mmCIF file of all heavy atoms, coordinates in Angstrom:
data_MODEL
# 
_entry.id   MODEL 
# 
loop_
_atom_site.group_PDB 
_atom_site.id 
_atom_site.type_symbol 
_atom_site.label_atom_id 
_atom_site.label_alt_id 
_atom_site.label_comp_id 
_atom_site.label_asym_id 
_atom_site.label_entity_id 
_atom_site.label_seq_id 
_atom_site.pdbx_PDB_ins_code 
_atom_site.Cartn_x 
_atom_site.Cartn_y 
_atom_site.Cartn_z 
_atom_site.occupancy 
_atom_site.B_iso_or_equiv 
_atom_site.pdbx_formal_charge 
_atom_site.auth_seq_id 
_atom_site.auth_comp_id 
_atom_site.auth_asym_id 
_atom_site.auth_atom_id 
_atom_site.pdbx_PDB_model_num 
ATOM 1   N N   . PRO A 1 1  ? 101.119 117.031 102.132 1.00 0.00 ? 1  PRO A N   1 
ATOM 2   C CA  . PRO A 1 1  ? 101.773 116.226 101.102 1.00 0.00 ? 1  PRO A CA  1 
ATOM 3   C C   . PRO A 1 1  ? 103.288 116.144 101.317 1.00 0.00 ? 1  PRO A C   1 
ATOM 4   O O   . PRO A 1 1  ? 103.930 117.104 101.828 1.00 0.00 ? 1  PRO A O   1 
ATOM 5   C CB  . PRO A 1 1  ? 101.473 116.958 99.812  1.00 0.00 ? 1  PRO A CB  1 
ATOM 6   C CG  . PRO A 1 1  ? 101.157 118.362 100.207 1.00 0.00 ? 1  PRO A CG  1 
ATOM 7   C CD  . PRO A 1 1  ? 100.542 118.277 101.554 1.00 0.00 ? 1  PRO A CD  1 
ATOM 8   N N   . ALA A 1 2  ? 103.892 115.022 100.965 1.00 0.00 ? 2  ALA A N   1 
ATOM 9   C CA  . ALA A 1 2  ? 105.325 114.824 101.148 1.00 0.00 ? 2  ALA A CA  1 
ATOM 10  C C   . ALA A 1 2  ? 106.148 115.904 100.436 1.00 0.00 ? 2  ALA A C   1 
ATOM 11  O O   . ALA A 1 2  ? 107.228 116.268 100.890 1.00 0.00 ? 2  ALA A O   1 
ATOM 12  C CB  . ALA A 1 2  ? 105.720 113.436 100.622 1.00 0.00 ? 2  ALA A CB  1 
ATOM 13  N N   . LEU A 1 3  ? 105.607 116.425 99.349  1.00 0.00 ? 3  LEU A N   1 
ATOM 14  C CA  . LEU A 1 3  ? 106.298 117.438 98.566  1.00 0.00 ? 3  LEU A CA  1 
ATOM 15  C C   . LEU A 1 3  ? 106.649 118.670 99.382  1.00 0.00 ? 3  LEU A C   1 
ATOM 16  O O   . LEU A 1 3  ? 107.651 119.349 99.142  1.00 0.00 ? 3  LEU A O   1 
ATOM 17  C CB  . LEU A 1 3  ? 105.457 117.837 97.362  1.00 0.00 ? 3  LEU A CB  1 
ATOM 18  C CG  . LEU A 1 3  ? 106.112 118.741 96.293  1.00 0.00 ? 3  LEU A CG  1 
ATOM 19  C CD1 . LEU A 1 3  ? 107.202 117.967 95.543  1.00 0.00 ? 3  LEU A CD1 1 
ATOM 20  C CD2 . LEU A 1 3  ? 105.073 119.246 95.311  1.00 0.00 ? 3  LEU A CD2 1 
ATOM 21  N N   . THR A 1 4  ? 105.812 118.982 100.409 1.00 0.00 ? 4  THR A N   1 
ATOM 22  C CA  . THR A 1 4  ? 106.019 120.214 101.181 1.00 0.00 ? 4  THR A CA  1 
ATOM 23  C C   . THR A 1 4  ? 106.830 120.001 102.461 1.00 0.00 ? 4  THR A C   1 
ATOM 24  O O   . THR A 1 4  ? 106.994 120.908 103.238 1.00 0.00 ? 4  THR A O   1 
ATOM 25  C CB  . THR A 1 4  ? 104.654 120.861 101.558 1.00 0.00 ? 4  THR A CB  1 
ATOM 26  O OG1 . THR A 1 4  ? 103.924 119.962 102.388 1.00 0.00 ? 4  THR A OG1 1 
ATOM 27  C CG2 . THR A 1 4  ? 103.847 121.166 100.318 1.00 0.00 ? 4  THR A CG2 1 
ATOM 28  N N   . ALA A 1 5  ? 107.289 118.772 102.693 1.00 0.00 ? 5  ALA A N   1 
ATOM 29  C CA  . ALA A 1 5  ? 108.084 118.488 103.898 1.00 0.00 ? 5  ALA A CA  1 
ATOM 30  C C   . ALA A 1 5  ? 109.400 119.266 103.857 1.00 0.00 ? 5  ALA A C   1 
ATOM 31  O O   . ALA A 1 5  ? 110.009 119.487 102.804 1.00 0.00 ? 5  ALA A O   1 
ATOM 32  C CB  . ALA A 1 5  ? 108.372 116.993 103.993 1.00 0.00 ? 5  ALA A CB  1 
ATOM 33  N N   . ASP A 1 6  ? 109.850 119.705 105.006 1.00 0.00 ? 6  ASP A N   1 
ATOM 34  C CA  . ASP A 1 6  ? 111.105 120.471 105.143 1.00 0.00 ? 6  ASP A CA  1 
ATOM 35  C C   . ASP A 1 6  ? 112.280 119.480 105.150 1.00 0.00 ? 6  ASP A C   1 
ATOM 36  O O   . ASP A 1 6  ? 112.640 118.957 106.213 1.00 0.00 ? 6  ASP A O   1 
ATOM 37  C CB  . ASP A 1 6  ? 111.085 121.315 106.409 1.00 0.00 ? 6  ASP A CB  1 
ATOM 38  C CG  . ASP A 1 6  ? 112.314 122.222 106.533 1.00 0.00 ? 6  ASP A CG  1 
ATOM 39  O OD1 . ASP A 1 6  ? 113.006 122.379 105.515 1.00 0.00 ? 6  ASP A OD1 1 
ATOM 40  O OD2 . ASP A 1 6  ? 112.559 122.719 107.641 1.00 0.00 ? 6  ASP A OD2 1 
ATOM 41  N N   . LEU A 1 7  ? 112.832 119.225 103.997 1.00 0.00 ? 7  LEU A N   1 
ATOM 42  C CA  . LEU A 1 7  ? 113.894 118.227 103.860 1.00 0.00 ? 7  LEU A CA  1 
ATOM 43  C C   . LEU A 1 7  ? 115.145 118.840 103.264 1.00 0.00 ? 7  LEU A C   1 
ATOM 44  O O   . LEU A 1 7  ? 115.097 119.819 102.522 1.00 0.00 ? 7  LEU A O   1 
ATOM 45  C CB  . LEU A 1 7  ? 113.419 117.085 102.952 1.00 0.00 ? 7  LEU A CB  1 
ATOM 46  C CG  . LEU A 1 7  ? 112.141 116.342 103.331 1.00 0.00 ? 7  LEU A CG  1 
ATOM 47  C CD1 . LEU A 1 7  ? 111.794 115.320 102.250 1.00 0.00 ? 7  LEU A CD1 1 
ATOM 48  C CD2 . LEU A 1 7  ? 112.295 115.681 104.698 1.00 0.00 ? 7  LEU A CD2 1 
ATOM 49  N N   . SER A 1 8  ? 116.283 118.216 103.599 1.00 0.00 ? 8  SER A N   1 
ATOM 50  C CA  . SER A 1 8  ? 117.548 118.647 102.990 1.00 0.00 ? 8  SER A CA  1 
ATOM 51  C C   . SER A 1 8  ? 117.618 118.092 101.568 1.00 0.00 ? 8  SER A C   1 
ATOM 52  O O   . SER A 1 8  ? 116.785 117.231 101.175 1.00 0.00 ? 8  SER A O   1 
ATOM 53  C CB  . SER A 1 8  ? 118.738 118.084 103.771 1.00 0.00 ? 8  SER A CB  1 
ATOM 54  O OG  . SER A 1 8  ? 118.770 116.658 103.679 1.00 0.00 ? 8  SER A OG  1 
ATOM 55  N N   . ASP A 1 9  ? 118.591 118.537 100.763 1.00 0.00 ? 9  ASP A N   1 
ATOM 56  C CA  . ASP A 1 9  ? 118.726 118.052 99.401  1.00 0.00 ? 9  ASP A CA  1 
ATOM 57  C C   . ASP A 1 9  ? 118.953 116.535 99.386  1.00 0.00 ? 9  ASP A C   1 
ATOM 58  O O   . ASP A 1 9  ? 118.392 115.810 98.547  1.00 0.00 ? 9  ASP A O   1 
ATOM 59  C CB  . ASP A 1 9  ? 119.889 118.759 98.692  1.00 0.00 ? 9  ASP A CB  1 
ATOM 60  C CG  . ASP A 1 9  ? 119.564 120.214 98.390  1.00 0.00 ? 9  ASP A CG  1 
ATOM 61  O OD1 . ASP A 1 9  ? 118.366 120.572 98.421  1.00 0.00 ? 9  ASP A OD1 1 
ATOM 62  O OD2 . ASP A 1 9  ? 120.497 120.985 98.133  1.00 0.00 ? 9  ASP A OD2 1 
ATOM 63  N N   . ASP A 1 10 ? 119.780 116.061 100.323 1.00 0.00 ? 10 ASP A N   1 
ATOM 64  C CA  . ASP A 1 10 ? 120.044 114.618 100.391 1.00 0.00 ? 10 ASP A CA  1 
ATOM 65  C C   . ASP A 1 10 ? 118.791 113.820 100.788 1.00 0.00 ? 10 ASP A C   1 
ATOM 66  O O   . ASP A 1 10 ? 118.533 112.740 100.228 1.00 0.00 ? 10 ASP A O   1 
ATOM 67  C CB  . ASP A 1 10 ? 121.156 114.326 101.405 1.00 0.00 ? 10 ASP A CB  1 
ATOM 68  C CG  . ASP A 1 10 ? 122.532 114.734 100.898 1.00 0.00 ? 10 ASP A CG  1 
ATOM 69  O OD1 . ASP A 1 10 ? 122.682 114.916 99.686  1.00 0.00 ? 10 ASP A OD1 1 
ATOM 70  O OD2 . ASP A 1 10 ? 123.456 114.896 101.739 1.00 0.00 ? 10 ASP A OD2 1 
ATOM 71  N N   . GLU A 1 11 ? 118.024 114.376 101.711 1.00 0.00 ? 11 GLU A N   1 
ATOM 72  C CA  . GLU A 1 11 ? 116.783 113.704 102.124 1.00 0.00 ? 11 GLU A CA  1 
ATOM 73  C C   . GLU A 1 11 ? 115.750 113.683 100.975 1.00 0.00 ? 11 GLU A C   1 
ATOM 74  O O   . GLU A 1 11 ? 115.080 112.663 100.761 1.00 0.00 ? 11 GLU A O   1 
ATOM 75  C CB  . GLU A 1 11 ? 116.183 114.407 103.327 1.00 0.00 ? 11 GLU A CB  1 
ATOM 76  C CG  . GLU A 1 11 ? 116.954 114.150 104.610 1.00 0.00 ? 11 GLU A CG  1 
ATOM 77  C CD  . GLU A 1 11 ? 116.447 115.014 105.779 1.00 0.00 ? 11 GLU A CD  1 
ATOM 78  O OE1 . GLU A 1 11 ? 115.996 116.149 105.524 1.00 0.00 ? 11 GLU A OE1 1 
ATOM 79  O OE2 . GLU A 1 11 ? 116.548 114.556 106.927 1.00 0.00 ? 11 GLU A OE2 1 
ATOM 80  N N   . ARG A 1 12 ? 115.707 114.784 100.223 1.00 0.00 ? 12 ARG A N   1 
ATOM 81  C CA  . ARG A 1 12 ? 114.761 114.830 99.099  1.00 0.00 ? 12 ARG A CA  1 
ATOM 82  C C   . ARG A 1 12 ? 115.169 113.834 98.013  1.00 0.00 ? 12 ARG A C   1 
ATOM 83  O O   . ARG A 1 12 ? 114.333 113.211 97.379  1.00 0.00 ? 12 ARG A O   1 
ATOM 84  C CB  . ARG A 1 12 ? 114.738 116.255 98.530  1.00 0.00 ? 12 ARG A CB  1 
ATOM 85  C CG  . ARG A 1 12 ? 113.445 116.592 97.795  1.00 0.00 ? 12 ARG A CG  1 
ATOM 86  C CD  . ARG A 1 12 ? 113.231 118.079 97.697  1.00 0.00 ? 12 ARG A CD  1 
ATOM 87  N NE  . ARG A 1 12 ? 112.847 118.670 98.948  1.00 0.00 ? 12 ARG A NE  1 
ATOM 88  C CZ  . ARG A 1 12 ? 111.623 118.598 99.465  1.00 0.00 ? 12 ARG A CZ  1 
ATOM 89  N NH1 . ARG A 1 12 ? 110.663 117.949 98.817  1.00 0.00 ? 12 ARG A NH1 1 
ATOM 90  N NH2 . ARG A 1 12 ? 111.320 119.165 100.606 1.00 0.00 ? 12 ARG A NH2 1 
ATOM 91  N N   . LYS A 1 13 ? 116.468 113.704 97.813  1.00 0.00 ? 13 LYS A N   1 
ATOM 92  C CA  . LYS A 1 13 ? 116.968 112.739 96.844  1.00 0.00 ? 13 LYS A CA  1 
ATOM 93  C C   . LYS A 1 13 ? 116.632 111.309 97.265  1.00 0.00 ? 13 LYS A C   1 
ATOM 94  O O   . LYS A 1 13 ? 116.198 110.487 96.472  1.00 0.00 ? 13 LYS A O   1 
ATOM 95  C CB  . LYS A 1 13 ? 118.491 112.893 96.699  1.00 0.00 ? 13 LYS A CB  1 
ATOM 96  C CG  . LYS A 1 13 ? 119.112 112.055 95.574  1.00 0.00 ? 13 LYS A CG  1 
ATOM 97  C CD  . LYS A 1 13 ? 120.589 112.333 95.457  1.00 0.00 ? 13 LYS A CD  1 
ATOM 98  C CE  . LYS A 1 13 ? 121.187 111.475 94.353  1.00 0.00 ? 13 LYS A CE  1 
ATOM 99  N NZ  . LYS A 1 13 ? 122.673 111.716 94.231  1.00 0.00 ? 13 LYS A NZ  1 
ATOM 100 N N   . LEU A 1 14 ? 116.800 111.042 98.573  1.00 0.00 ? 14 LEU A N   1 
ATOM 101 C CA  . LEU A 1 14 ? 116.474 109.721 99.105  1.00 0.00 ? 14 LEU A CA  1 
ATOM 102 C C   . LEU A 1 14 ? 114.947 109.451 99.008  1.00 0.00 ? 14 LEU A C   1 
ATOM 103 O O   . LEU A 1 14 ? 114.530 108.331 98.718  1.00 0.00 ? 14 LEU A O   1 
ATOM 104 C CB  . LEU A 1 14 ? 116.910 109.599 100.540 1.00 0.00 ? 14 LEU A CB  1 
ATOM 105 C CG  . LEU A 1 14 ? 116.626 108.291 101.297 1.00 0.00 ? 14 LEU A CG  1 
ATOM 106 C CD1 . LEU A 1 14 ? 117.241 107.099 100.555 1.00 0.00 ? 14 LEU A CD1 1 
ATOM 107 C CD2 . LEU A 1 14 ? 117.131 108.376 102.720 1.00 0.00 ? 14 LEU A CD2 1 
ATOM 108 N N   . MET A 1 15 ? 114.176 110.492 99.221  1.00 0.00 ? 15 MET A N   1 
ATOM 109 C CA  . MET A 1 15 ? 112.708 110.329 99.186  1.00 0.00 ? 15 MET A CA  1 
ATOM 110 C C   . MET A 1 15 ? 112.224 109.882 97.810  1.00 0.00 ? 15 MET A C   1 
ATOM 111 O O   . MET A 1 15 ? 111.187 109.210 97.685  1.00 0.00 ? 15 MET A O   1 
ATOM 112 C CB  . MET A 1 15 ? 112.014 111.642 99.592  1.00 0.00 ? 15 MET A CB  1 
ATOM 113 C CG  . MET A 1 15 ? 110.508 111.500 99.737  1.00 0.00 ? 15 MET A CG  1 
ATOM 114 S SD  . MET A 1 15 ? 109.667 113.013 100.284 1.00 0.00 ? 15 MET A SD  1 
ATOM 115 C CE  . MET A 1 15 ? 109.718 113.991 98.793  1.00 0.00 ? 15 MET A CE  1 
ATOM 116 N N   . LYS A 1 16 ? 112.952 110.229 96.774  1.00 0.00 ? 16 LYS A N   1 
ATOM 117 C CA  . LYS A 1 16 ? 112.534 109.812 95.419  1.00 0.00 ? 16 LYS A CA  1 
ATOM 118 C C   . LYS A 1 16 ? 112.472 108.309 95.305  1.00 0.00 ? 16 LYS A C   1 
ATOM 119 O O   . LYS A 1 16 ? 111.681 107.756 94.559  1.00 0.00 ? 16 LYS A O   1 
ATOM 120 C CB  . LYS A 1 16 ? 113.525 110.386 94.370  1.00 0.00 ? 16 LYS A CB  1 
ATOM 121 C CG  . LYS A 1 16 ? 113.345 111.885 94.121  1.00 0.00 ? 16 LYS A CG  1 
ATOM 122 C CD  . LYS A 1 16 ? 114.241 112.342 92.997  1.00 0.00 ? 16 LYS A CD  1 
ATOM 123 C CE  . LYS A 1 16 ? 114.026 113.842 92.713  1.00 0.00 ? 16 LYS A CE  1 
ATOM 124 N NZ  . LYS A 1 16 ? 114.893 114.324 91.600  1.00 0.00 ? 16 LYS A NZ  1 
ATOM 125 N N   . SER A 1 17 ? 113.368 107.612 96.055  1.00 0.00 ? 17 SER A N   1 
ATOM 126 C CA  . SER A 1 17 ? 113.376 106.154 96.024  1.00 0.00 ? 17 SER A CA  1 
ATOM 127 C C   . SER A 1 17 ? 112.175 105.557 96.730  1.00 0.00 ? 17 SER A C   1 
ATOM 128 O O   . SER A 1 17 ? 111.897 104.362 96.615  1.00 0.00 ? 17 SER A O   1 
ATOM 129 C CB  . SER A 1 17 ? 114.669 105.610 96.637  1.00 0.00 ? 17 SER A CB  1 
ATOM 130 O OG  . SER A 1 17 ? 114.711 105.864 98.004  1.00 0.00 ? 17 SER A OG  1 
ATOM 131 N N   . PHE A 1 18 ? 111.426 106.387 97.494  1.00 0.00 ? 18 PHE A N   1 
ATOM 132 C CA  . PHE A 1 18 ? 110.209 105.937 98.159  1.00 0.00 ? 18 PHE A CA  1 
ATOM 133 C C   . PHE A 1 18 ? 109.000 105.917 97.219  1.00 0.00 ? 18 PHE A C   1 
ATOM 134 O O   . PHE A 1 18 ? 107.986 105.297 97.528  1.00 0.00 ? 18 PHE A O   1 
ATOM 135 C CB  . PHE A 1 18 ? 109.886 106.862 99.356  1.00 0.00 ? 18 PHE A CB  1 
ATOM 136 C CG  . PHE A 1 18 ? 110.781 106.703 100.554 1.00 0.00 ? 18 PHE A CG  1 
ATOM 137 C CD1 . PHE A 1 18 ? 112.056 106.197 100.447 1.00 0.00 ? 18 PHE A CD1 1 
ATOM 138 C CD2 . PHE A 1 18 ? 110.313 107.099 101.811 1.00 0.00 ? 18 PHE A CD2 1 
ATOM 139 C CE1 . PHE A 1 18 ? 112.881 106.080 101.547 1.00 0.00 ? 18 PHE A CE1 1 
ATOM 140 C CE2 . PHE A 1 18 ? 111.137 106.987 102.928 1.00 0.00 ? 18 PHE A CE2 1 
ATOM 141 C CZ  . PHE A 1 18 ? 112.424 106.483 102.799 1.00 0.00 ? 18 PHE A CZ  1 
ATOM 142 N N   . PHE A 1 19 ? 109.087 106.625 96.090  1.00 0.00 ? 19 PHE A N   1 
ATOM 143 C CA  . PHE A 1 19 ? 108.026 106.728 95.094  1.00 0.00 ? 19 PHE A CA  1 
ATOM 144 C C   . PHE A 1 19 ? 106.700 107.146 95.754  1.00 0.00 ? 19 PHE A C   1 
ATOM 145 O O   . PHE A 1 19 ? 105.657 106.526 95.530  1.00 0.00 ? 19 PHE A O   1 
ATOM 146 C CB  . PHE A 1 19 ? 107.858 105.395 94.341  1.00 0.00 ? 19 PHE A CB  1 
ATOM 147 C CG  . PHE A 1 19 ? 109.045 105.002 93.542  1.00 0.00 ? 19 PHE A CG  1 
ATOM 148 C CD1 . PHE A 1 19 ? 109.940 104.038 94.017  1.00 0.00 ? 19 PHE A CD1 1 
ATOM 149 C CD2 . PHE A 1 19 ? 109.309 105.619 92.319  1.00 0.00 ? 19 PHE A CD2 1 
ATOM 150 C CE1 . PHE A 1 19 ? 111.062 103.699 93.284  1.00 0.00 ? 19 PHE A CE1 1 
ATOM 151 C CE2 . PHE A 1 19 ? 110.426 105.268 91.588  1.00 0.00 ? 19 PHE A CE2 1 
ATOM 152 C CZ  . PHE A 1 19 ? 111.303 104.322 92.056  1.00 0.00 ? 19 PHE A CZ  1 
ATOM 153 N N   . LEU A 1 20 ? 106.782 108.186 96.542  1.00 0.00 ? 20 LEU A N   1 
ATOM 154 C CA  . LEU A 1 20 ? 105.571 108.660 97.237  1.00 0.00 ? 20 LEU A CA  1 
ATOM 155 C C   . LEU A 1 20 ? 104.632 109.410 96.295  1.00 0.00 ? 20 LEU A C   1 
ATOM 156 O O   . LEU A 1 20 ? 105.088 110.232 95.485  1.00 0.00 ? 20 LEU A O   1 
ATOM 157 C CB  . LEU A 1 20 ? 105.950 109.547 98.425  1.00 0.00 ? 20 LEU A CB  1 
ATOM 158 C CG  . LEU A 1 20 ? 106.785 108.866 99.519  1.00 0.00 ? 20 LEU A CG  1 
ATOM 159 C CD1 . LEU A 1 20 ? 107.101 109.847 100.613 1.00 0.00 ? 20 LEU A CD1 1 
ATOM 160 C CD2 . LEU A 1 20 ? 106.091 107.622 100.048 1.00 0.00 ? 20 LEU A CD2 1 
ATOM 161 N N   . LEU A 1 21 ? 103.354 109.146 96.388  1.00 0.00 ? 21 LEU A N   1 
ATOM 162 C CA  . LEU A 1 21 ? 102.367 109.742 95.527  1.00 0.00 ? 21 LEU A CA  1 
ATOM 163 C C   . LEU A 1 21 ? 102.250 111.271 95.752  1.00 0.00 ? 21 LEU A C   1 
ATOM 164 O O   . LEU A 1 21 ? 102.148 112.019 94.811  1.00 0.00 ? 21 LEU A O   1 
ATOM 165 C CB  . LEU A 1 21 ? 101.008 109.101 95.747  1.00 0.00 ? 21 LEU A CB  1 
ATOM 166 C CG  . LEU A 1 21 ? 100.997 107.573 95.533  1.00 0.00 ? 21 LEU A CG  1 
ATOM 167 C CD1 . LEU A 1 21 ? 99.619  107.017 95.973  1.00 0.00 ? 21 LEU A CD1 1 
ATOM 168 C CD2 . LEU A 1 21 ? 101.255 107.229 94.102  1.00 0.00 ? 21 LEU A CD2 1 
ATOM 169 N N   . SER A 1 22 ? 102.274 111.678 97.029  1.00 0.00 ? 22 SER A N   1 
ATOM 170 C CA  . SER A 1 22 ? 102.130 113.098 97.331  1.00 0.00 ? 22 SER A CA  1 
ATOM 171 C C   . SER A 1 22 ? 103.470 113.827 97.245  1.00 0.00 ? 22 SER A C   1 
ATOM 172 O O   . SER A 1 22 ? 103.552 115.025 97.537  1.00 0.00 ? 22 SER A O   1 
ATOM 173 C CB  . SER A 1 22 ? 101.507 113.310 98.723  1.00 0.00 ? 22 SER A CB  1 
ATOM 174 O OG  . SER A 1 22 ? 102.414 112.867 99.744  1.00 0.00 ? 22 SER A OG  1 
ATOM 175 N N   . GLY A 1 23 ? 104.507 113.129 96.827  1.00 0.00 ? 23 GLY A N   1 
ATOM 176 C CA  . GLY A 1 23 ? 105.812 113.726 96.674  1.00 0.00 ? 23 GLY A CA  1 
ATOM 177 C C   . GLY A 1 23 ? 106.089 114.155 95.222  1.00 0.00 ? 23 GLY A C   1 
ATOM 178 O O   . GLY A 1 23 ? 107.161 114.687 94.930  1.00 0.00 ? 23 GLY A O   1 
ATOM 179 N N   . LYS A 1 24 ? 105.134 113.911 94.348  1.00 0.00 ? 24 LYS A N   1 
ATOM 180 C CA  . LYS A 1 24 ? 105.328 114.264 92.929  1.00 0.00 ? 24 LYS A CA  1 
ATOM 181 C C   . LYS A 1 24 ? 104.941 115.729 92.688  1.00 0.00 ? 24 LYS A C   1 
ATOM 182 O O   . LYS A 1 24 ? 104.005 116.249 93.257  1.00 0.00 ? 24 LYS A O   1 
ATOM 183 C CB  . LYS A 1 24 ? 104.458 113.359 92.055  1.00 0.00 ? 24 LYS A CB  1 
ATOM 184 C CG  . LYS A 1 24 ? 104.834 111.895 92.125  1.00 0.00 ? 24 LYS A CG  1 
ATOM 185 C CD  . LYS A 1 24 ? 103.945 111.037 91.233  1.00 0.00 ? 24 LYS A CD  1 
ATOM 186 C CE  . LYS A 1 24 ? 104.311 109.565 91.382  1.00 0.00 ? 24 LYS A CE  1 
ATOM 187 N NZ  . LYS A 1 24 ? 105.659 109.247 90.927  1.00 0.00 ? 24 LYS A NZ  1 
# 
């Protein structure tokens, strides 16, 4: 799931704009 990806704070903030289902 996208939620468990190793991302920086900025990348995680940007990912929110992707509205990924597995990122919730």
